[in-house]
Amino acid sequence: MHAADNGQIWIRLWHTPGAASTWKVLDPEGEPMARTTLPAGSEILLIEDDSVYATVRSGETLELVRYRIGVP
């Protein structure tokens, strides 16, 4: 679980090692507002208004990745 600067709460719904992880996003009042999937090997470090920063491991390589958050 992660808390964003804007009050959102990100909850990992399930995670199988080596597989993508699915997250449910709640607004500051605790109401569901989104669901997203991050690639296998991703670990969230920081969530801001329009970005999620995560490390992504591929073999022995560790990268810092920025994912843009957008509303469809």
PDB file of N, CA and C in Angstrom:
ATOM      1  N   MET A   1       0.846  -1.166   0.000  1.00  0.00           N
ATOM      2  CA  MET A   1       0.000   0.000   0.000  1.00  0.00           C
ATOM      3  C   MET A   1       0.898   1.238   0.000  1.00  0.00           C
ATOM      4  N   HIS A   2       0.444   2.272  -0.727  1.00  0.00           N
ATOM      5  CA  HIS A   2       1.188   3.531  -0.793  1.00  0.00           C
ATOM      6  C   HIS A   2       0.226   4.700  -0.671  1.00  0.00           C
ATOM      7  N   ALA A   3       0.661   5.770  -0.010  1.00  0.00           N
ATOM      8  CA  ALA A   3      -0.104   7.004   0.074  1.00  0.00           C
ATOM      9  C   ALA A   3       0.560   8.037  -0.834  1.00  0.00           C
ATOM     10  N   ALA A   4      -0.236   8.662  -1.684  1.00  0.00           N
ATOM     11  CA  ALA A   4       0.275   9.691  -2.592  1.00  0.00           C
ATOM     12  C   ALA A   4       0.242  11.059  -1.918  1.00  0.00           C
ATOM     13  N   ASP A   5       1.021  11.994  -2.461  1.00  0.00           N
ATOM     14  CA  ASP A   5       1.051  13.355  -1.939  1.00  0.00           C
ATOM     15  C   ASP A   5      -0.325  14.016  -1.969  1.00  0.00           C
ATOM     16  N   ASN A   6      -1.161  13.631  -2.930  1.00  0.00           N
ATOM     17  CA  ASN A   6      -2.479  14.257  -3.098  1.00  0.00           C
ATOM     18  C   ASN A   6      -3.574  13.566  -2.290  1.00  0.00           C
ATOM     19  N   GLY A   7      -3.218  12.628  -1.408  1.00  0.00           N
ATOM     20  CA  GLY A   7      -4.186  11.963  -0.552  1.00  0.00           C
ATOM     21  C   GLY A   7      -4.718  10.647  -1.092  1.00  0.00           C
ATOM     22  N   GLN A   8      -4.363  10.304  -2.326  1.00  0.00           N
ATOM     23  CA  GLN A   8      -4.799   9.020  -2.878  1.00  0.00           C
ATOM     24  C   GLN A   8      -4.102   7.871  -2.150  1.00  0.00           C
ATOM     25  N   ILE A   9      -4.800   6.743  -2.072  1.00  0.00           N
ATOM     26  CA  ILE A   9      -4.229   5.529  -1.505  1.00  0.00           C
ATOM     27  C   ILE A   9      -4.166   4.490  -2.619  1.00  0.00           C
ATOM     28  N   TRP A  10      -3.006   3.902  -2.820  1.00  0.00           N
ATOM     29  CA  TRP A  10      -2.795   2.854  -3.822  1.00  0.00           C
ATOM     30  C   TRP A  10      -2.644   1.529  -3.088  1.00  0.00           C
ATOM     31  N   ILE A  11      -3.518   0.569  -3.407  1.00  0.00           N
ATOM     32  CA  ILE A  11      -3.515  -0.735  -2.755  1.00  0.00           C
ATOM     33  C   ILE A  11      -3.237  -1.817  -3.797  1.00  0.00           C
ATOM     34  N   ARG A  12      -2.188  -2.603  -3.569  1.00  0.00           N
ATOM     35  CA  ARG A  12      -1.898  -3.716  -4.482  1.00  0.00           C
ATOM     36  C   ARG A  12      -2.910  -4.819  -4.203  1.00  0.00           C
ATOM     37  N   LEU A  13      -3.663  -5.211  -5.240  1.00  0.00           N
ATOM     38  CA  LEU A  13      -4.723  -6.203  -5.071  1.00  0.00           C
ATOM     39  C   LEU A  13      -4.177  -7.611  -4.991  1.00  0.00           C
ATOM     40  N   TRP A  14      -3.269  -7.933  -5.858  1.00  0.00           N
ATOM     41  CA  TRP A  14      -2.622  -9.238  -5.817  1.00  0.00           C
ATOM     42  C   TRP A  14      -1.306  -9.126  -6.555  1.00  0.00           C
ATOM     43  N   HIS A  15      -0.429 -10.016  -6.206  1.00  0.00           N
ATOM     44  CA  HIS A  15       0.896  -9.976  -6.825  1.00  0.00           C
ATOM     45  C   HIS A  15       1.490 -11.373  -6.809  1.00  0.00           C
ATOM     46  N   THR A  16       1.835 -11.844  -7.983  1.00  0.00           N
ATOM     47  CA  THR A  16       2.549 -13.101  -8.129  1.00  0.00           C
ATOM     48  C   THR A  16       3.974 -12.751  -8.536  1.00  0.00           C
ATOM     49  N   PRO A  17       4.987 -13.180  -7.794  1.00  0.00           N
ATOM     50  CA  PRO A  17       6.358 -12.853  -8.174  1.00  0.00           C
ATOM     51  C   PRO A  17       6.626 -13.179  -9.643  1.00  0.00           C
ATOM     52  N   GLY A  18       7.236 -12.221 -10.341  1.00  0.00           N
ATOM     53  CA  GLY A  18       7.548 -12.391 -11.751  1.00  0.00           C
ATOM     54  C   GLY A  18       6.413 -12.010 -12.684  1.00  0.00           C
ATOM     55  N   ALA A  19       5.279 -11.580 -12.117  1.00  0.00           N
ATOM     56  CA  ALA A  19       4.126 -11.193 -12.937  1.00  0.00           C
ATOM     57  C   ALA A  19       3.776  -9.726 -12.668  1.00  0.00           C
ATOM     58  N   ALA A  20       2.981  -9.147 -13.548  1.00  0.00           N
ATOM     59  CA  ALA A  20       2.511  -7.776 -13.367  1.00  0.00           C
ATOM     60  C   ALA A  20       1.685  -7.685 -12.082  1.00  0.00           C
ATOM     61  N   SER A  21       1.615  -6.480 -11.491  1.00  0.00           N
ATOM     62  CA  SER A  21       0.824  -6.283 -10.278  1.00  0.00           C
ATOM     63  C   SER A  21      -0.320  -5.316 -10.564  1.00  0.00           C
ATOM     64  N   THR A  22      -1.475  -5.600  -9.986  1.00  0.00           N
ATOM     65  CA  THR A  22      -2.663  -4.781 -10.180  1.00  0.00           C
ATOM     66  C   THR A  22      -2.902  -3.947  -8.929  1.00  0.00           C
ATOM     67  N   TRP A  23      -3.204  -2.659  -9.148  1.00  0.00           N
ATOM     68  CA  TRP A  23      -3.393  -1.703  -8.057  1.00  0.00           C
ATOM     69  C   TRP A  23      -4.769  -1.058  -8.142  1.00  0.00           C
ATOM     70  N   LYS A  24      -5.400  -0.884  -7.002  1.00  0.00           N
ATOM     71  CA  LYS A  24      -6.647  -0.138  -6.901  1.00  0.00           C
ATOM     72  C   LYS A  24      -6.307   1.212  -6.283  1.00  0.00           C
ATOM     73  N   VAL A  25      -6.825   2.297  -6.878  1.00  0.00           N
ATOM     74  CA  VAL A  25      -6.534   3.646  -6.406  1.00  0.00           C
ATOM     75  C   VAL A  25      -7.794   4.221  -5.768  1.00  0.00           C
ATOM     76  N   LEU A  26      -7.652   4.696  -4.531  1.00  0.00           N
ATOM     77  CA  LEU A  26      -8.760   5.314  -3.811  1.00  0.00           C
ATOM     78  C   LEU A  26      -8.517   6.817  -3.705  1.00  0.00           C
ATOM     79  N   ASP A  27      -9.596   7.606  -3.792  1.00  0.00           N
ATOM     80  CA  ASP A  27      -9.452   9.056  -3.624  1.00  0.00           C
ATOM     81  C   ASP A  27      -9.262   9.364  -2.137  1.00  0.00           C
ATOM     82  N   PRO A  28      -9.008  10.632  -1.777  1.00  0.00           N
ATOM     83  CA  PRO A  28      -8.749  10.967  -0.372  1.00  0.00           C
ATOM     84  C   PRO A  28      -9.885  10.596   0.587  1.00  0.00           C
ATOM     85  N   GLU A  29     -11.115  10.443   0.063  1.00  0.00           N
ATOM     86  CA  GLU A  29     -12.247  10.049   0.897  1.00  0.00           C
ATOM     87  C   GLU A  29     -12.396   8.532   0.997  1.00  0.00           C
ATOM     88  N   GLY A  30     -11.527   7.782   0.308  1.00  0.00           N
ATOM     89  CA  GLY A  30     -11.569   6.332   0.350  1.00  0.00           C
ATOM     90  C   GLY A  30     -12.441   5.699  -0.718  1.00  0.00           C
ATOM     91  N   GLU A  31     -12.930   6.493  -1.664  1.00  0.00           N
ATOM     92  CA  GLU A  31     -13.762   5.979  -2.742  1.00  0.00           C
ATOM     93  C   GLU A  31     -12.889   5.477  -3.896  1.00  0.00           C
ATOM     94  N   PRO A  32     -13.229   4.331  -4.484  1.00  0.00           N
ATOM     95  CA  PRO A  32     -12.457   3.833  -5.631  1.00  0.00           C
ATOM     96  C   PRO A  32     -12.517   4.818  -6.792  1.00  0.00           C
ATOM     97  N   MET A  33     -11.356   5.065  -7.420  1.00  0.00           N
ATOM     98  CA  MET A  33     -11.327   5.987  -8.552  1.00  0.00           C
ATOM     99  C   MET A  33     -10.605   5.421  -9.766  1.00  0.00           C
ATOM    100  N   ALA A  34      -9.792   4.398  -9.581  1.00  0.00           N
ATOM    101  CA  ALA A  34      -9.056   3.839 -10.722  1.00  0.00           C
ATOM    102  C   ALA A  34      -8.485   2.482 -10.347  1.00  0.00           C
ATOM    103  N   ARG A  35      -8.089   1.776 -11.386  1.00  0.00           N
ATOM    104  CA  ARG A  35      -7.370   0.513 -11.241  1.00  0.00           C
ATOM    105  C   ARG A  35      -6.320   0.522 -12.338  1.00  0.00           C
ATOM    106  N   THR A  36      -5.125   0.046 -12.004  1.00  0.00           N
ATOM    107  CA  THR A  36      -4.057   0.030 -12.999  1.00  0.00           C
ATOM    108  C   THR A  36      -3.165  -1.185 -12.777  1.00  0.00           C
ATOM    109  N   THR A  37      -2.399  -1.501 -13.779  1.00  0.00           N
ATOM    110  CA  THR A  37      -1.461  -2.612 -13.708  1.00  0.00           C
ATOM    111  C   THR A  37      -0.065  -2.097 -14.021  1.00  0.00           C
ATOM    112  N   LEU A  38       0.887  -2.480 -13.199  1.00  0.00           N
ATOM    113  CA  LEU A  38       2.289  -2.126 -13.430  1.00  0.00           C
ATOM    114  C   LEU A  38       3.032  -3.389 -13.872  1.00  0.00           C
ATOM    115  N   PRO A  39       4.062  -3.206 -14.701  1.00  0.00           N
ATOM    116  CA  PRO A  39       4.798  -4.359 -15.233  1.00  0.00           C
ATOM    117  C   PRO A  39       5.455  -5.213 -14.145  1.00  0.00           C
ATOM    118  N   ALA A  40       5.724  -6.439 -14.514  1.00  0.00           N
ATOM    119  CA  ALA A  40       6.441  -7.355 -13.625  1.00  0.00           C
ATOM    120  C   ALA A  40       7.755  -6.721 -13.186  1.00  0.00           C
ATOM    121  N   GLY A  41       8.114  -6.910 -11.940  1.00  0.00           N
ATOM    122  CA  GLY A  41       9.372  -6.396 -11.417  1.00  0.00           C
ATOM    123  C   GLY A  41       9.309  -4.954 -10.952  1.00  0.00           C
ATOM    124  N   SER A  42       8.121  -4.312 -11.017  1.00  0.00           N
ATOM    125  CA  SER A  42       7.976  -2.908 -10.604  1.00  0.00           C
ATOM    126  C   SER A  42       7.751  -2.795  -9.105  1.00  0.00           C
ATOM    127  N   GLU A  43       8.401  -1.817  -8.504  1.00  0.00           N
ATOM    128  CA  GLU A  43       8.177  -1.483  -7.098  1.00  0.00           C
ATOM    129  C   GLU A  43       8.008   0.031  -7.015  1.00  0.00           C
ATOM    130  N   ILE A  44       6.847   0.472  -6.543  1.00  0.00           N
ATOM    131  CA  ILE A  44       6.559   1.906  -6.447  1.00  0.00           C
ATOM    132  C   ILE A  44       7.443   2.544  -5.386  1.00  0.00           C
ATOM    133  N   LEU A  45       8.026   3.707  -5.746  1.00  0.00           N
ATOM    134  CA  LEU A  45       8.827   4.483  -4.815  1.00  0.00           C
ATOM    135  C   LEU A  45       8.095   5.738  -4.362  1.00  0.00           C
ATOM    136  N   LEU A  46       7.418   6.429  -5.314  1.00  0.00           N
ATOM    137  CA  LEU A  46       6.799   7.723  -5.046  1.00  0.00           C
ATOM    138  C   LEU A  46       5.631   7.918  -5.986  1.00  0.00           C
ATOM    139  N   ILE A  47       4.552   8.499  -5.469  1.00  0.00           N
ATOM    140  CA  ILE A  47       3.393   8.840  -6.292  1.00  0.00           C
ATOM    141  C   ILE A  47       3.128  10.323  -6.125  1.00  0.00           C
ATOM    142  N   GLU A  48       3.075  11.035  -7.252  1.00  0.00           N
ATOM    143  CA  GLU A  48       2.750  12.454  -7.260  1.00  0.00           C
ATOM    144  C   GLU A  48       1.458  12.640  -8.050  1.00  0.00           C
ATOM    145  N   ASP A  49       1.011  13.892  -8.211  1.00  0.00           N
ATOM    146  CA  ASP A  49      -0.252  14.169  -8.897  1.00  0.00           C
ATOM    147  C   ASP A  49      -0.364  13.527 -10.265  1.00  0.00           C
ATOM    148  N   ASP A  50       0.690  13.599 -11.067  1.00  0.00           N
ATOM    149  CA  ASP A  50       0.597  13.096 -12.438  1.00  0.00           C
ATOM    150  C   ASP A  50       1.645  12.051 -12.790  1.00  0.00           C
ATOM    151  N   SER A  51       2.335  11.511 -11.783  1.00  0.00           N
ATOM    152  CA  SER A  51       3.406  10.553 -12.059  1.00  0.00           C
ATOM    153  C   SER A  51       3.538   9.517 -10.946  1.00  0.00           C
ATOM    154  N   VAL A  52       3.949   8.332 -11.358  1.00  0.00           N
ATOM    155  CA  VAL A  52       4.338   7.273 -10.423  1.00  0.00           C
ATOM    156  C   VAL A  52       5.788   6.945 -10.750  1.00  0.00           C
ATOM    157  N   TYR A  53       6.646   6.963  -9.751  1.00  0.00           N
ATOM    158  CA  TYR A  53       8.042   6.596  -9.921  1.00  0.00           C
ATOM    159  C   TYR A  53       8.234   5.213  -9.324  1.00  0.00           C
ATOM    160  N   ALA A  54       8.852   4.339 -10.094  1.00  0.00           N
ATOM    161  CA  ALA A  54       9.043   2.967  -9.646  1.00  0.00           C
ATOM    162  C   ALA A  54      10.393   2.458 -10.110  1.00  0.00           C
ATOM    163  N   THR A  55      10.888   1.468  -9.400  1.00  0.00           N
ATOM    164  CA  THR A  55      12.036   0.728  -9.899  1.00  0.00           C
ATOM    165  C   THR A  55      11.491  -0.485 -10.630  1.00  0.00           C
ATOM    166  N   VAL A  56      12.173  -0.860 -11.695  1.00  0.00           N
ATOM    167  CA  VAL A  56      11.795  -2.044 -12.465  1.00  0.00           C
ATOM    168  C   VAL A  56      13.029  -2.906 -12.607  1.00  0.00           C
ATOM    169  N   ARG A  57      12.917  -4.134 -12.141  1.00  0.00           N
ATOM    170  CA  ARG A  57      14.043  -5.067 -12.212  1.00  0.00           C
ATOM    171  C   ARG A  57      13.836  -6.011 -13.374  1.00  0.00           C
ATOM    172  N   SER A  58      14.896  -6.142 -14.168  1.00  0.00           N
ATOM    173  CA  SER A  58      14.911  -7.099 -15.266  1.00  0.00           C
ATOM    174  C   SER A  58      16.239  -7.836 -15.181  1.00  0.00           C
ATOM    175  N   GLY A  59      16.186  -9.056 -14.694  1.00  0.00           N
ATOM    176  CA  GLY A  59      17.435  -9.790 -14.467  1.00  0.00           C
ATOM    177  C   GLY A  59      18.217  -9.102 -13.373  1.00  0.00           C
ATOM    178  N   GLU A  60      19.443  -8.714 -13.678  1.00  0.00           N
ATOM    179  CA  GLU A  60      20.274  -8.021 -12.698  1.00  0.00           C
ATOM    180  C   GLU A  60      20.259  -6.516 -12.887  1.00  0.00           C
ATOM    181  N   THR A  61      19.442  -6.018 -13.821  1.00  0.00           N
ATOM    182  CA  THR A  61      19.359  -4.589 -14.097  1.00  0.00           C
ATOM    183  C   THR A  61      18.204  -3.970 -13.314  1.00  0.00           C
ATOM    184  N   LEU A  62      18.462  -2.831 -12.678  1.00  0.00           N
ATOM    185  CA  LEU A  62      17.444  -2.103 -11.945  1.00  0.00           C
ATOM    186  C   LEU A  62      17.341  -0.712 -12.561  1.00  0.00           C
ATOM    187  N   GLU A  63      16.147  -0.348 -13.027  1.00  0.00           N
ATOM    188  CA  GLU A  63      15.931   0.956 -13.655  1.00  0.00           C
ATOM    189  C   GLU A  63      14.937   1.769 -12.849  1.00  0.00           C
ATOM    190  N   LEU A  64      15.094   3.096 -12.881  1.00  0.00           N
ATOM    191  CA  LEU A  64      14.105   4.008 -12.324  1.00  0.00           C
ATOM    192  C   LEU A  64      13.218   4.447 -13.481  1.00  0.00           C
ATOM    193  N   VAL A  65      11.898   4.266 -13.328  1.00  0.00           N
ATOM    194  CA  VAL A  65      10.953   4.551 -14.402  1.00  0.00           C
ATOM    195  C   VAL A  65       9.899   5.519 -13.888  1.00  0.00           C
ATOM    196  N   ARG A  66       9.503   6.452 -14.750  1.00  0.00           N
ATOM    197  CA  ARG A  66       8.413   7.375 -14.428  1.00  0.00           C
ATOM    198  C   ARG A  66       7.227   7.021 -15.312  1.00  0.00           C
ATOM    199  N   TYR A  67       6.093   6.728 -14.676  1.00  0.00           N
ATOM    200  CA  TYR A  67       4.854   6.466 -15.405  1.00  0.00           C
ATOM    201  C   TYR A  67       3.963   7.693 -15.256  1.00  0.00           C
ATOM    202  N   ARG A  68       3.437   8.187 -16.357  1.00  0.00           N
ATOM    203  CA  ARG A  68       2.516   9.310 -16.331  1.00  0.00           C
ATOM    204  C   ARG A  68       1.122   8.808 -15.957  1.00  0.00           C
ATOM    205  N   ILE A  69       0.438   9.548 -15.103  1.00  0.00           N
ATOM    206  CA  ILE A  69      -0.931   9.219 -14.725  1.00  0.00           C
ATOM    207  C   ILE A  69      -1.847  10.135 -15.517  1.00  0.00           C
ATOM    208  N   GLY A  70      -2.797   9.561 -16.209  1.00  0.00           N
ATOM    209  CA  GLY A  70      -3.735  10.365 -16.977  1.00  0.00           C
ATOM    210  C   GLY A  70      -5.149   9.870 -16.782  1.00  0.00           C
ATOM    211  N   VAL A  71      -6.079  10.753 -17.014  1.00  0.00           N
ATOM    212  CA  VAL A  71      -7.495  10.397 -16.937  1.00  0.00           C
ATOM    213  C   VAL A  71      -7.997  10.222 -18.354  1.00  0.00           C
ATOM    214  N   PRO A  72      -8.580   9.036 -18.661  1.00  0.00           N
ATOM    215  CA  PRO A  72      -9.052   8.797 -20.029  1.00  0.00           C
ATOM    216  C   PRO A  72     -10.198   9.714 -20.414  1.00  0.00           C
TER     217      PRO A  72
END
